Amino acid sequence: MRKTLLSAAISAGFMFGAAAAAHAGVTDQMIENAASNTSQVVTWGITPDGQRFSSLNQINTTNVKRLVPAWSFSFGGEKQRGQESQPVIHNGKMFVTASYSRIYALDAKTGHKLWKYEHRLPDGIMPCCDVVNRGAALYDNLVIFNTLDAQLVALDQDTGKVVWKEKVDDYQAGYSNTAAPIIAHGLVITGVSGGEFGVVGRVEARNAKTGDLVWSRPTVEGYMGYSYDKDGNKTDAGVSGTTNATWPGDLWKTGGAATWLGGTYDPKLDLIFFGTGNPSPWNSHLRPGDNLFSSSTLALDPKTGKIVWHYQTTPHDGWDFDGVNEFVTFDQGGKRLGAKADRNGFFYVIDAKDGKLQNAFPFVKKITWASSIDLKTGRPNYIEDNRPGAPATTGDDKKGTSVFAAPAFLGAKNQMPMAYSPKTGYFYVPANEWGMDIWNEPISYKKGAAYLGAGFTIKTIDDYIGALRAVDPKTGKIVWEVKNNAPLWGGVMTTAGDLVFYGTPEGFLKAIDAKTGKELWQFQTGTGVVAPPVTWIDNGVQYVAVVSGWGGAVPLWGGDVAKKVNMLEQGGSVWVFKLADKL
C-alpha cells in the first residue's frame, strides 16, 4: 500500500509540475530568449532588442496568397479613435490595449473575450496626439500597461483584477503615458509623455511584481536622479549632465525631452535604450545651446538607471524633430550596432556599446534643415537659413520669419516601429515625405497649458506621402520602396518566410517580398492600420495579427495632409489570419 501511495504521489507531483509549467508566468529568461520561443509574443518589439523579426516561415512568399482571416474581435462602443497597440500572447491568451486606456484578454485561437479592464479616466486629461495606447508588458502572471492619466496598472492575467496601481505623475501638469513598458531584471521600465506641455522627461524602473519604485532617471540636463530602497526611501543617484551646461537660465526646469515611445533592451550588452523627445518650448531662440538630453538616444544601465552613453541626433532642435524613435540593435561586422530612423530624416548606425557614430544618411528624399551629418563629430551640418526666425519683441505682429522645412514635424518616421531582417540585412522603414511651413511665436510657461511657441502647417510635397523602404545599413542605399498615397503610420514586421508585413491608413494589411519589394497579398480590415503586426505559432499553425483603427496624430495635427485623408473611417478591431487549406 505504501508503494502504491508513493507511486500515486509521485504521479500527482509530475502532473502538478506539468500543469504548473503550462501555466508558468513570464520570466526574464523568457523575454531575453523571445526570439527562440515562436509560440508566444512576450514583449513589445517581438524581441527585446526591437528587431520585429520572427524566425517562423510556415507563411512564406510562395503561399502567403492563401492567408485568410481566422477571427476578428471588435473593441466595441463609441471609443474608437487611433489604435496603435501591439498585442502580446502568452499561455493561449492575447492581451491587447485599446484607445482610452482599455485592455482586453482574448483567447488567441478563437478571439473569445476572456475579460476586459477599462481604466477610469478623469476629466481634463491632456494627451498630445490622440488617446492611443501602444501595448502592454508581461511579467510573472501580470499584464502591465500605462494609462492616459499617467498611471501604471498591473492586472492578473487570468482574471483582469488589479494587483497593483501606481501614479507616475500629475496629469494636470500635462503628463500622460501611451508607451508599452519593457521588462529587464524583473523591473518594469517606462517613460513619460507630455513634451508639448513643458513636462520633464524621465525613465523609471519599478519592481514588476509590486510596483515599488527602484530608480528614476531624468532626461533633462540638470535634474537629479534617484534610487529607492524597499521601504521607499530615496537616495540621490547623481545629476543628469551638468546644470546649465547646454541650457540657459531656468528653461531646463520645463525642458521637455519626453520619453513617450518607450524603450528597447539588449540582453547581450545589458543596456536599455530610450529615445527622448523635443526640448520645450519649440521656439529654439529662447534656449541657446544643445539642450541635452533632448532629441537624443540614451543607453542606460537597467539595474541603476545610470546614463552609460548618449547621442544627440538634433542638437538645439527648432523643428520638433524629436528623437524618440526606437533604437534597434543588431550584429554587423563583429560589432553590436544600433539603428535609428530619426524623425529628422536621417538614418543613424551607432555602436550600441559606446554610442559612437558609425554611419548616417538620409532615408527620405527631401531634408532642408541640414545638408548632412558629420561622421567625425556626429553633429549635423545645419542650413541655418532654414531655422524658423525669432519672434519680434515689439509691434502688433510678433510672429517670427516663417520657413519651409522638410521633413514636417510629424517626422520622416514617427511612432511606427521599423523592422530588421537578419536574413536580408535590411531595415524596413515606414517613411513619409512631407514638409511644413513653421514659424516661432512668443510663449511663456503655464502649468498644464500647451508650451510650443511655434505655429505650423503641414504640406504635401509629392503625389504620394508614405513609402515602405528597404534600407541597407552598410551602404545607406534604399534597395526598394513601395509608395503609398496616405502617410504610413503603422509598424512593420519581417519573418524568415522572406515576408514584410505592414498596414496602411487606407485599411490594408499587406505582405511584401522582403528581397524584392513585390506585393504578394493584401487584406482590407475596414479601417486604417496604425499599429504593428505580430506572428506566432500554436499547435503547428502560424498566425498573424494586427490591430486596426484609424487615428493618431495625423488627423489631429496634419494640416493640408489631414484634409487629404479626411475620408478615412475610424474603428477598433483585432484581426488574426492563418493559411487556408486551399486558395
Protein backbone atom coordinates (compact mmCIF):
# COMPACT_ATOMS: atom_id res chain seq x y z
CA MET A 1 0.00 0.00 0.00
CA ARG A 2 2.89 2.34 0.84
CA LYS A 3 4.39 1.70 -2.60
CA THR A 4 1.02 2.40 -4.24
CA LEU A 5 0.58 5.64 -2.31
CA LEU A 6 4.16 6.69 -3.08
CA SER A 7 3.65 5.95 -6.77
CA ALA A 8 0.39 7.93 -6.78
CA ALA A 9 2.07 10.85 -5.01
CA ILE A 10 4.94 10.88 -7.48
CA SER A 11 2.49 10.74 -10.40
CA ALA A 12 0.45 13.55 -8.90
CA GLY A 13 3.63 15.52 -8.40
CA PHE A 14 4.59 15.10 -12.04
CA MET A 15 1.07 16.10 -13.13
CA PHE A 16 1.16 19.15 -10.87
CA GLY A 17 4.59 20.08 -12.18
CA ALA A 18 3.43 19.79 -15.77
CA ALA A 19 0.35 21.88 -15.03
CA ALA A 20 2.45 24.46 -13.23
CA ALA A 21 4.86 24.61 -16.17
CA ALA A 22 1.95 25.01 -18.59
CA HIS A 23 0.72 27.98 -16.57
CA ALA A 24 4.09 29.36 -15.56
CA GLY A 25 4.40 33.09 -15.51
CA VAL A 26 6.60 35.12 -17.83
CA THR A 27 10.21 35.28 -16.69
CA ASP A 28 13.20 37.44 -17.56
CA GLN A 29 14.73 34.46 -19.33
CA MET A 30 11.62 34.04 -21.49
CA ILE A 31 11.77 37.70 -22.51
CA GLU A 32 15.51 37.61 -23.20
CA ASN A 33 15.06 34.44 -25.31
CA ALA A 34 11.90 35.61 -27.04
CA ALA A 35 13.45 35.07 -30.48
CA SER A 36 13.61 31.31 -29.93
CA ASN A 37 10.09 30.92 -28.49
CA THR A 38 7.85 31.45 -31.50
CA SER A 39 4.74 30.12 -29.76
CA GLN A 40 4.44 33.34 -27.78
CA VAL A 41 4.95 37.09 -28.12
CA VAL A 42 6.03 38.25 -24.67
CA THR A 43 7.42 41.73 -25.33
CA TRP A 44 6.94 44.89 -27.33
CA GLY A 45 9.13 44.64 -30.42
CA ILE A 46 8.56 40.83 -30.63
CA THR A 47 12.13 40.53 -29.31
CA PRO A 48 13.51 42.82 -26.58
CA ASP A 49 16.02 44.39 -29.00
CA GLY A 50 13.09 45.58 -31.12
CA GLN A 51 14.03 43.82 -34.37
CA ARG A 52 10.42 42.74 -35.01
CA PHE A 53 11.74 39.67 -36.82
CA SER A 54 10.20 36.21 -36.44
CA SER A 55 12.01 33.02 -37.39
CA LEU A 56 8.69 31.46 -38.46
CA ASN A 57 8.44 30.52 -42.14
CA GLN A 58 5.28 28.44 -42.45
CA ILE A 59 3.78 31.50 -44.10
CA ASN A 60 6.17 32.48 -46.88
CA THR A 61 6.44 34.08 -50.31
CA THR A 62 5.02 31.02 -52.08
CA ASN A 63 1.86 30.55 -50.00
CA VAL A 64 1.04 33.93 -48.41
CA LYS A 65 -1.69 34.37 -51.05
CA ARG A 66 -3.64 31.72 -49.08
CA LEU A 67 -3.76 33.92 -45.95
CA VAL A 68 -7.34 34.34 -44.70
CA PRO A 69 -8.98 35.66 -41.51
CA ALA A 70 -9.11 33.20 -38.62
CA TRP A 71 -11.08 35.56 -36.38
CA SER A 72 -11.74 39.22 -35.67
CA PHE A 73 -12.65 40.97 -32.43
CA SER A 74 -14.15 44.45 -32.11
CA PHE A 75 -13.26 46.73 -29.23
CA GLY A 76 -16.86 47.94 -29.44
CA GLY A 77 -18.54 51.02 -28.06
CA GLU A 78 -18.04 54.57 -29.24
CA LYS A 79 -14.43 54.81 -28.07
CA GLN A 80 -12.81 54.27 -31.44
CA ARG A 81 -10.04 56.75 -32.28
CA GLY A 82 -6.46 55.62 -33.02
CA GLN A 83 -5.48 52.02 -32.23
CA GLU A 84 -1.66 51.77 -32.11
CA SER A 85 -1.35 48.68 -29.92
CA GLN A 86 0.94 45.70 -30.45
CA PRO A 87 -0.66 42.55 -28.96
CA VAL A 88 1.28 40.22 -26.66
CA ILE A 89 0.49 36.48 -26.45
CA HIS A 90 1.14 34.05 -23.58
CA ASN A 91 -0.42 30.74 -22.46
CA GLY A 92 -3.02 30.85 -25.22
CA LYS A 93 -4.17 34.36 -24.29
CA MET A 94 -3.80 37.56 -26.29
CA PHE A 95 -3.53 40.80 -24.32
CA VAL A 96 -4.26 43.89 -26.38
CA THR A 97 -4.72 47.50 -25.31
CA ALA A 98 -7.11 49.94 -26.97
CA SER A 99 -7.84 53.66 -27.04
CA TYR A 100 -8.93 55.40 -23.82
CA SER A 101 -6.75 53.13 -21.61
CA ARG A 102 -8.60 49.86 -22.13
CA ILE A 103 -7.14 46.36 -22.22
CA TYR A 104 -8.66 43.05 -23.31
CA ALA A 105 -7.71 39.42 -22.72
CA LEU A 106 -8.76 37.21 -25.66
CA ASP A 107 -8.49 33.53 -26.47
CA ALA A 108 -5.67 33.60 -29.02
CA LYS A 109 -7.21 30.77 -31.09
CA THR A 110 -10.82 31.94 -31.24
CA GLY A 111 -10.93 35.62 -30.31
CA HIS A 112 -13.36 34.88 -27.45
CA LYS A 113 -13.23 37.67 -24.85
CA LEU A 114 -11.96 36.40 -21.51
CA TRP A 115 -12.03 39.71 -19.65
CA LYS A 116 -11.83 43.46 -20.14
CA TYR A 117 -10.39 46.21 -17.94
CA GLU A 118 -11.37 49.82 -18.59
CA HIS A 119 -9.33 52.34 -16.65
CA ARG A 120 -11.44 55.15 -15.20
CA LEU A 121 -10.04 58.35 -16.69
CA PRO A 122 -10.59 61.73 -15.03
CA ASP A 123 -11.81 64.79 -16.88
CA GLY A 124 -9.07 67.04 -18.17
CA ILE A 125 -6.51 64.54 -19.44
CA MET A 126 -4.17 66.17 -21.97
CA PRO A 127 -2.79 63.63 -24.42
CA CYS A 128 -0.84 65.35 -27.18
CA CYS A 129 -1.56 63.06 -30.09
CA ASP A 130 -4.79 61.10 -29.67
CA VAL A 131 -6.00 58.79 -26.90
CA VAL A 132 -3.82 55.89 -28.01
CA ASN A 133 -2.03 53.09 -26.19
CA ARG A 134 0.82 51.11 -27.75
CA GLY A 135 0.68 47.89 -25.77
CA ALA A 136 1.35 46.04 -22.53
CA ALA A 137 4.22 44.22 -20.81
CA LEU A 138 4.04 40.70 -19.39
CA TYR A 139 5.80 39.51 -16.25
CA ASP A 140 5.06 36.62 -13.90
CA ASN A 141 1.26 36.31 -14.05
CA LEU A 142 0.80 40.05 -14.60
CA VAL A 143 -0.06 42.19 -17.59
CA ILE A 144 1.11 45.77 -17.09
CA PHE A 145 0.16 48.87 -19.07
CA ASN A 146 0.26 52.67 -18.98
CA THR A 147 -2.74 54.99 -18.88
CA LEU A 148 -3.58 58.42 -20.25
CA ASP A 149 -3.74 59.92 -16.75
CA ALA A 150 -0.10 58.87 -16.15
CA GLN A 151 -0.66 55.75 -14.08
CA LEU A 152 0.85 52.27 -14.38
CA VAL A 153 -1.55 49.38 -13.81
CA ALA A 154 -0.76 45.69 -13.24
CA LEU A 155 -3.56 43.14 -13.72
CA ASP A 156 -3.82 39.41 -13.07
CA GLN A 157 -3.54 37.71 -16.47
CA ASP A 158 -6.25 35.16 -15.61
CA THR A 159 -8.88 37.43 -14.08
CA GLY A 160 -8.14 41.02 -15.07
CA LYS A 161 -8.21 42.05 -11.41
CA VAL A 162 -5.93 44.91 -10.33
CA VAL A 163 -2.86 43.63 -8.47
CA TRP A 164 -1.15 47.00 -8.12
CA LYS A 165 -1.59 50.51 -9.47
CA GLU A 166 0.90 53.37 -9.21
CA LYS A 167 0.69 57.06 -10.10
CA VAL A 168 3.58 58.03 -12.37
CA ASP A 169 2.94 61.79 -12.41
CA ASP A 170 0.38 64.59 -12.42
CA TYR A 171 -1.88 64.54 -15.49
CA GLN A 172 -2.99 68.10 -14.67
CA ALA A 173 0.59 69.24 -15.35
CA GLY A 174 0.43 67.69 -18.82
CA TYR A 175 1.84 64.25 -18.08
CA SER A 176 0.35 61.21 -19.77
CA ASN A 177 1.57 57.77 -20.81
CA THR A 178 1.00 55.93 -24.07
CA ALA A 179 4.05 53.66 -24.45
CA ALA A 180 4.30 49.91 -24.00
CA PRO A 181 6.51 49.22 -20.95
CA ILE A 182 9.52 46.90 -21.23
CA ILE A 183 10.91 44.39 -18.73
CA ALA A 184 14.54 43.81 -17.68
CA HIS A 185 15.86 42.15 -14.49
CA GLY A 186 12.38 41.89 -13.02
CA LEU A 187 11.86 45.63 -13.45
CA VAL A 188 9.10 47.25 -15.47
CA ILE A 189 10.72 50.20 -17.23
CA THR A 190 8.84 53.04 -18.87
CA GLY A 191 8.97 56.74 -19.64
CA VAL A 192 6.55 59.65 -19.70
CA SER A 193 4.61 61.57 -22.35
CA GLY A 194 3.76 65.26 -22.47
CA GLY A 195 6.59 67.13 -24.18
CA GLU A 196 4.19 69.69 -25.65
CA PHE A 197 3.20 70.76 -22.11
CA GLY A 198 6.62 71.55 -20.65
CA VAL A 199 6.95 68.36 -18.63
CA VAL A 200 10.33 66.93 -17.66
CA GLY A 201 11.11 63.64 -19.37
CA ARG A 202 12.46 60.66 -17.48
CA VAL A 203 12.88 56.91 -17.47
CA GLU A 204 11.94 54.99 -14.35
CA ALA A 205 12.01 51.38 -13.14
CA ARG A 206 9.67 49.63 -10.76
CA ASN A 207 9.58 46.18 -9.23
CA ALA A 208 7.34 44.42 -11.74
CA LYS A 209 5.65 42.26 -9.08
CA THR A 210 4.89 45.06 -6.60
CA GLY A 211 5.05 48.38 -8.44
CA ASP A 212 7.62 49.75 -5.97
CA LEU A 213 9.88 52.41 -7.47
CA VAL A 214 13.54 51.29 -7.81
CA TRP A 215 15.16 54.14 -9.74
CA SER A 216 14.28 57.28 -11.69
CA ARG A 217 16.49 58.99 -14.27
CA PRO A 218 15.51 62.45 -15.66
CA THR A 219 16.30 63.05 -19.33
CA VAL A 220 16.75 66.81 -19.00
CA GLU A 221 20.20 68.07 -18.04
CA GLY A 222 20.32 69.48 -14.50
CA TYR A 223 17.81 67.21 -12.77
CA MET A 224 18.75 64.78 -10.02
CA GLY A 225 18.23 61.06 -10.46
CA TYR A 226 17.18 58.87 -7.54
CA SER A 227 17.31 55.28 -6.36
CA TYR A 228 14.83 53.83 -3.86
CA ASP A 229 15.10 51.08 -1.26
CA LYS A 230 12.42 48.51 -0.43
CA ASP A 231 10.84 50.94 2.06
CA GLY A 232 10.54 53.73 -0.49
CA ASN A 233 13.37 55.83 0.91
CA LYS A 234 15.20 57.66 -1.87
CA THR A 235 18.89 58.32 -2.36
CA ASP A 236 20.50 60.79 -4.78
CA ALA A 237 21.81 58.96 -7.84
CA GLY A 238 23.60 61.89 -9.45
CA VAL A 239 22.55 64.81 -11.63
CA SER A 240 21.79 64.13 -15.30
CA GLY A 241 24.62 66.01 -17.01
CA THR A 242 25.75 69.39 -15.64
CA THR A 243 23.26 72.09 -14.72
CA ASN A 244 23.15 74.93 -17.29
CA ALA A 245 25.95 73.43 -19.42
CA THR A 246 23.73 73.28 -22.51
CA TRP A 247 20.60 75.08 -21.26
CA PRO A 248 20.34 78.79 -20.41
CA GLY A 249 18.79 80.21 -17.27
CA ASP A 250 15.83 78.31 -15.91
CA LEU A 251 14.40 76.86 -19.13
CA TRP A 252 15.74 73.41 -18.26
CA LYS A 253 13.14 73.30 -15.49
CA THR A 254 10.40 72.81 -18.12
CA GLY A 255 12.70 71.22 -20.65
CA GLY A 256 10.58 68.52 -22.29
CA ALA A 257 12.63 65.56 -23.64
CA ALA A 258 9.68 63.24 -23.00
CA THR A 259 10.32 59.50 -23.38
CA TRP A 260 6.92 58.87 -24.90
CA LEU A 261 7.59 55.89 -27.19
CA GLY A 262 9.18 53.55 -24.69
CA GLY A 263 12.42 51.64 -24.99
CA THR A 264 14.27 48.53 -26.15
CA TYR A 265 16.57 46.20 -24.22
CA ASP A 266 19.67 44.38 -25.43
CA PRO A 267 20.44 41.37 -23.21
CA LYS A 268 23.85 40.88 -24.90
CA LEU A 269 25.01 44.30 -23.71
CA ASP A 270 22.65 44.52 -20.73
CA LEU A 271 21.63 48.03 -21.76
CA ILE A 272 18.26 49.66 -22.25
CA PHE A 273 17.79 52.32 -24.91
CA PHE A 274 15.31 55.19 -24.80
CA GLY A 275 14.80 57.99 -27.29
CA THR A 276 13.94 61.43 -25.95
CA GLY A 277 11.57 63.97 -27.41
CA ASN A 278 11.68 67.64 -28.31
CA PRO A 279 13.02 70.33 -25.98
CA SER A 280 10.40 72.77 -24.67
CA PRO A 281 9.36 75.16 -25.98
CA TRP A 282 9.67 74.60 -29.73
CA ASN A 283 10.95 78.19 -30.12
CA SER A 284 14.69 77.45 -30.19
CA HIS A 285 15.71 81.13 -29.91
CA LEU A 286 14.68 81.09 -26.25
CA ARG A 287 17.12 78.29 -25.37
CA PRO A 288 20.58 78.59 -26.97
CA GLY A 289 22.80 75.52 -26.70
CA ASP A 290 22.42 71.81 -27.46
CA ASN A 291 19.71 71.36 -24.79
CA LEU A 292 20.77 67.92 -23.55
CA PHE A 293 19.35 65.32 -23.32
CA SER A 294 16.51 66.24 -25.68
CA SER A 295 16.20 64.76 -29.19
CA SER A 296 18.66 62.02 -28.26
CA THR A 297 19.18 58.32 -27.75
CA LEU A 298 20.20 57.30 -24.22
CA ALA A 299 21.79 53.99 -23.22
CA LEU A 300 21.08 53.23 -19.56
CA ASP A 301 22.08 50.57 -17.06
CA PRO A 302 18.79 48.72 -16.40
CA LYS A 303 19.68 47.99 -12.77
CA THR A 304 20.56 51.56 -11.74
CA GLY A 305 19.33 53.97 -14.42
CA LYS A 306 22.83 55.37 -14.92
CA ILE A 307 23.32 57.00 -18.35
CA VAL A 308 26.08 54.92 -19.97
CA TRP A 309 26.20 56.99 -23.17
CA HIS A 310 24.11 59.43 -25.15
CA TYR A 311 23.94 60.51 -28.77
CA GLN A 312 22.01 63.61 -29.78
CA THR A 313 20.53 63.45 -33.28
CA THR A 314 19.17 67.02 -33.40
CA PRO A 315 21.10 69.36 -31.07
CA HIS A 316 19.21 72.60 -30.41
CA ASP A 317 16.09 71.22 -32.09
CA GLY A 318 13.97 74.02 -33.59
CA TRP A 319 11.59 71.95 -35.72
CA ASP A 320 10.11 69.46 -33.20
CA PHE A 321 12.05 66.68 -34.88
CA ASP A 322 12.22 64.89 -31.57
CA GLY A 323 14.50 61.87 -31.15
CA VAL A 324 12.20 59.37 -29.59
CA ASN A 325 12.25 56.76 -32.37
CA GLU A 326 13.18 53.22 -31.37
CA PHE A 327 16.84 52.12 -31.23
CA VAL A 328 17.12 48.62 -32.71
CA THR A 329 20.28 46.60 -32.01
CA PHE A 330 21.76 44.07 -34.45
CA ASP A 331 25.02 42.31 -35.33
CA GLN A 332 27.21 43.52 -38.19
CA GLY A 333 30.92 43.12 -38.88
CA GLY A 334 31.64 41.58 -35.49
CA LYS A 335 30.05 44.53 -33.63
CA ARG A 336 26.79 45.03 -31.82
CA LEU A 337 25.31 48.06 -33.53
CA GLY A 338 22.11 50.00 -33.16
CA ALA A 339 19.99 51.66 -35.84
CA LYS A 340 17.58 54.55 -35.62
CA ALA A 341 15.43 56.09 -38.36
CA ASP A 342 15.04 59.53 -36.85
CA ARG A 343 12.16 61.93 -37.36
CA ASN A 344 14.68 64.44 -38.70
CA GLY A 345 15.10 62.36 -41.89
CA PHE A 346 18.49 60.76 -41.23
CA PHE A 347 19.15 57.08 -40.56
CA TYR A 348 21.83 56.54 -37.89
CA VAL A 349 24.02 53.49 -37.30
CA ILE A 350 25.67 53.69 -33.88
CA ASP A 351 27.94 51.39 -31.87
CA ALA A 352 25.48 50.13 -29.27
CA LYS A 353 28.23 49.54 -26.72
CA ASP A 354 29.77 53.01 -26.60
CA GLY A 355 27.46 55.33 -28.62
CA LYS A 356 29.99 56.20 -31.34
CA LEU A 357 28.52 57.06 -34.72
CA GLN A 358 29.31 54.59 -37.50
CA ASN A 359 27.19 55.93 -40.35
CA ALA A 360 24.39 58.41 -41.05
CA PHE A 361 22.48 59.02 -44.26
CA PRO A 362 19.07 60.27 -45.44
CA PHE A 363 16.19 57.81 -45.76
CA VAL A 364 13.80 60.40 -47.22
CA LYS A 365 14.30 62.45 -50.36
CA LYS A 366 13.85 65.99 -49.04
CA ILE A 367 15.70 67.35 -46.00
CA THR A 368 16.07 71.13 -45.66
CA TRP A 369 17.31 71.74 -42.09
CA ALA A 370 20.76 70.10 -42.53
CA SER A 371 22.86 69.09 -45.53
CA SER A 372 24.43 66.02 -43.91
CA ILE A 373 25.78 64.52 -40.68
CA ASP A 374 29.48 64.95 -39.97
CA LEU A 375 30.67 61.38 -39.38
CA LYS A 376 33.69 62.56 -37.38
CA THR A 377 31.88 64.80 -34.90
CA GLY A 378 28.44 63.18 -35.16
CA ARG A 379 26.87 66.61 -35.47
CA PRO A 380 24.55 67.85 -38.23
CA ASN A 381 25.74 70.35 -40.81
CA TYR A 382 22.93 72.87 -40.34
CA ILE A 383 21.41 75.03 -43.05
CA GLU A 384 20.83 77.96 -40.70
CA ASP A 385 18.61 79.92 -43.10
CA ASN A 386 16.09 77.12 -42.74
CA ARG A 387 15.67 77.55 -38.98
CA PRO A 388 12.43 79.46 -38.19
CA GLY A 389 13.19 83.05 -37.15
CA ALA A 390 12.95 84.57 -33.68
CA PRO A 391 9.70 86.34 -32.78
CA ALA A 392 9.71 90.13 -32.65
CA THR A 393 9.82 91.79 -29.24
CA THR A 394 7.79 94.85 -30.26
CA GLY A 395 4.88 95.64 -32.55
CA ASP A 396 1.49 94.06 -33.01
CA ASP A 397 2.65 91.09 -35.08
CA LYS A 398 5.36 89.32 -33.13
CA LYS A 399 5.40 86.26 -35.39
CA GLY A 400 8.91 85.30 -36.46
CA THR A 401 10.00 84.63 -40.02
CA SER A 402 8.30 81.57 -41.47
CA VAL A 403 10.38 78.96 -43.30
CA PHE A 404 9.55 75.84 -45.27
CA ALA A 405 11.11 72.82 -43.60
CA ALA A 406 11.27 69.17 -44.52
CA PRO A 407 10.54 66.73 -43.09
CA ALA A 408 7.41 68.00 -41.36
CA PHE A 409 7.43 67.90 -37.56
CA LEU A 410 5.44 64.64 -37.65
CA GLY A 411 8.67 63.23 -38.97
CA ALA A 412 10.23 61.20 -41.72
CA LYS A 413 9.23 58.37 -39.35
CA ASN A 414 7.14 58.77 -36.24
CA GLN A 415 5.85 56.25 -33.67
CA MET A 416 5.50 53.40 -36.18
CA PRO A 417 8.34 50.95 -35.48
CA MET A 418 10.58 49.66 -38.26
CA ALA A 419 11.77 46.04 -38.55
CA TYR A 420 15.08 44.30 -39.28
CA SER A 421 15.72 41.01 -41.05
CA PRO A 422 18.99 39.19 -40.27
CA LYS A 423 18.29 37.15 -43.43
CA THR A 424 18.49 40.12 -45.80
CA GLY A 425 20.45 42.51 -43.59
CA TYR A 426 17.92 45.24 -44.40
CA PHE A 427 15.82 47.51 -42.22
CA TYR A 428 12.23 48.03 -43.37
CA VAL A 429 11.27 51.61 -42.63
CA PRO A 430 7.78 53.16 -42.87
CA ALA A 431 8.81 56.60 -44.16
CA ASN A 432 6.88 59.77 -45.02
CA GLU A 433 7.66 62.53 -47.48
CA TRP A 434 6.14 65.84 -46.35
CA GLY A 435 7.13 69.33 -45.28
CA MET A 436 5.77 72.25 -43.30
CA ASP A 437 5.62 75.99 -43.03
CA ILE A 438 6.83 76.75 -39.49
CA TRP A 439 7.30 79.99 -37.54
CA ASN A 440 8.03 80.97 -33.94
CA GLU A 441 5.80 82.95 -31.60
CA PRO A 442 6.20 84.42 -28.09
CA ILE A 443 5.43 81.92 -25.35
CA SER A 444 5.62 81.58 -21.57
CA TYR A 445 5.14 78.50 -19.43
CA LYS A 446 1.85 77.85 -17.67
CA LYS A 447 1.26 74.56 -15.88
CA GLY A 448 -0.95 72.24 -17.91
CA ALA A 449 -1.08 74.50 -20.98
CA ALA A 450 0.41 73.84 -24.40
CA TYR A 451 4.01 75.08 -24.48
CA LEU A 452 5.02 75.38 -28.13
CA GLY A 453 5.95 78.93 -29.09
CA ALA A 454 5.52 77.98 -32.73
CA GLY A 455 2.92 77.68 -35.45
CA PHE A 456 2.93 75.34 -38.44
CA THR A 457 1.05 73.98 -41.43
CA ILE A 458 1.98 70.57 -42.84
CA LYS A 459 2.29 70.44 -46.64
CA THR A 460 2.41 67.67 -49.22
CA ILE A 461 5.48 67.77 -51.44
CA ASP A 462 4.82 64.97 -53.93
CA ASP A 463 1.99 62.89 -55.38
CA TYR A 464 2.42 60.40 -52.52
CA ILE A 465 3.35 60.69 -48.84
CA GLY A 466 4.10 57.23 -47.43
CA ALA A 467 6.78 54.82 -48.61
CA LEU A 468 7.85 51.49 -47.14
CA ARG A 469 11.60 51.39 -47.79
CA ALA A 470 14.17 48.61 -47.53
CA VAL A 471 17.32 50.30 -46.22
CA ASP A 472 20.80 48.76 -46.29
CA PRO A 473 22.58 49.99 -43.11
CA LYS A 474 26.01 49.18 -44.60
CA THR A 475 25.71 51.26 -47.76
CA GLY A 476 22.95 53.72 -46.91
CA LYS A 477 21.11 52.73 -50.07
CA ILE A 478 17.35 52.40 -50.42
CA VAL A 479 17.14 48.93 -52.00
CA TRP A 480 13.46 49.15 -52.90
CA GLU A 481 10.38 51.11 -51.95
CA VAL A 482 6.60 50.72 -52.08
CA LYS A 483 4.84 54.08 -52.29
CA ASN A 484 1.56 54.83 -50.54
CA ASN A 485 -0.84 57.71 -51.11
CA ALA A 486 -1.56 58.40 -47.41
CA PRO A 487 1.11 58.72 -44.69
CA LEU A 488 2.31 55.42 -43.25
CA TRP A 489 1.55 55.35 -39.53
CA GLY A 490 1.62 51.62 -38.67
CA GLY A 491 4.61 49.48 -37.76
CA VAL A 492 6.40 46.73 -39.64
CA MET A 493 7.21 43.04 -39.06
CA THR A 494 9.51 40.76 -41.03
CA THR A 495 9.79 36.96 -40.99
CA ALA A 496 12.07 34.10 -42.02
CA GLY A 497 9.48 33.39 -44.71
CA ASP A 498 11.05 36.39 -46.52
CA LEU A 499 7.96 38.47 -45.87
CA VAL A 500 7.43 42.04 -44.67
CA PHE A 501 4.02 42.82 -43.14
CA TYR A 502 2.73 46.36 -42.65
CA GLY A 503 -0.55 48.27 -42.65
CA THR A 504 -1.82 51.42 -44.35
CA PRO A 505 -4.28 54.17 -43.35
CA GLU A 506 -6.42 53.05 -46.28
CA GLY A 507 -7.18 49.93 -44.22
CA PHE A 508 -4.94 47.32 -45.80
CA LEU A 509 -2.65 44.83 -44.12
CA LYS A 510 -0.06 43.92 -46.77
CA ALA A 511 2.63 41.28 -47.27
CA ILE A 512 5.70 42.22 -49.34
CA ASP A 513 8.60 40.11 -50.62
CA ALA A 514 11.46 41.12 -48.31
CA LYS A 515 14.07 40.79 -51.07
CA THR A 516 12.31 42.49 -53.97
CA GLY A 517 9.53 44.70 -52.59
CA LYS A 518 6.89 42.92 -54.66
CA GLU A 519 3.41 43.00 -53.11
CA LEU A 520 2.17 39.43 -52.60
CA TRP A 521 -1.02 39.79 -50.54
CA GLN A 522 -3.35 42.35 -49.01
CA PHE A 523 -6.50 42.37 -46.88
CA GLN A 524 -8.92 45.22 -46.21
CA THR A 525 -9.57 45.48 -42.45
CA GLY A 526 -12.27 48.13 -42.80
CA THR A 527 -10.40 50.98 -41.11
CA GLY A 528 -6.88 52.40 -41.13
CA VAL A 529 -4.00 50.38 -39.70
CA VAL A 530 -1.68 52.42 -37.46
CA ALA A 531 -0.31 49.53 -35.38
CA PRO A 532 2.48 46.94 -35.82
CA PRO A 533 1.69 43.29 -36.71
CA VAL A 534 2.88 40.21 -34.77
CA THR A 535 3.09 36.49 -35.52
CA TRP A 536 3.24 33.25 -33.50
CA ILE A 537 2.65 29.51 -33.90
CA ASP A 538 0.13 27.37 -32.00
CA ASN A 539 -0.20 23.59 -32.49
CA GLY A 540 1.63 23.79 -35.78
CA VAL A 541 -0.40 26.72 -37.16
CA GLN A 542 1.24 30.10 -37.75
CA TYR A 543 -0.94 33.14 -37.07
CA VAL A 544 -0.51 36.81 -37.99
CA ALA A 545 -2.33 39.51 -36.04
CA VAL A 546 -2.76 43.27 -36.35
CA VAL A 547 -4.91 45.88 -34.63
CA SER A 548 -6.80 48.24 -36.95
CA GLY A 549 -8.35 51.60 -36.13
CA TRP A 550 -7.62 54.89 -37.88
CA GLY A 551 -6.41 57.81 -35.77
CA GLY A 552 -3.25 59.02 -34.09
CA ALA A 553 -1.53 62.33 -34.73
CA VAL A 554 -2.15 62.76 -38.47
CA PRO A 555 -5.87 63.65 -38.40
CA LEU A 556 -5.27 65.91 -35.38
CA TRP A 557 -2.12 67.77 -36.46
CA GLY A 558 -1.81 67.05 -40.16
CA GLY A 559 -2.74 70.40 -41.76
CA ASP A 560 -3.20 70.01 -45.51
CA VAL A 561 -2.38 66.30 -45.15
CA ALA A 562 -5.28 65.81 -42.73
CA LYS A 563 -7.61 67.11 -45.42
CA LYS A 564 -6.19 64.55 -47.83
CA VAL A 565 -7.16 61.66 -45.54
CA ASN A 566 -10.35 63.02 -44.01
CA MET A 567 -12.45 60.39 -45.79
CA LEU A 568 -10.91 57.58 -43.73
CA GLU A 569 -13.21 55.98 -41.16
CA GLN A 570 -12.44 55.16 -37.55
CA GLY A 571 -12.82 51.73 -35.99
CA GLY A 572 -11.28 49.38 -33.48
CA SER A 573 -10.63 45.67 -34.09
CA VAL A 574 -8.07 42.90 -33.83
CA TRP A 575 -7.66 40.79 -36.98
CA VAL A 576 -5.97 37.37 -36.89
CA PHE A 577 -5.00 35.41 -40.02
CA LYS A 578 -3.81 31.90 -40.90
CA LEU A 579 -3.30 29.92 -44.09
CA ALA A 580 -6.37 28.43 -45.73
CA ASP A 581 -6.13 24.76 -46.73
CA LYS A 582 -6.77 25.78 -50.34
CA LEU A 583 -6.54 29.03 -52.29
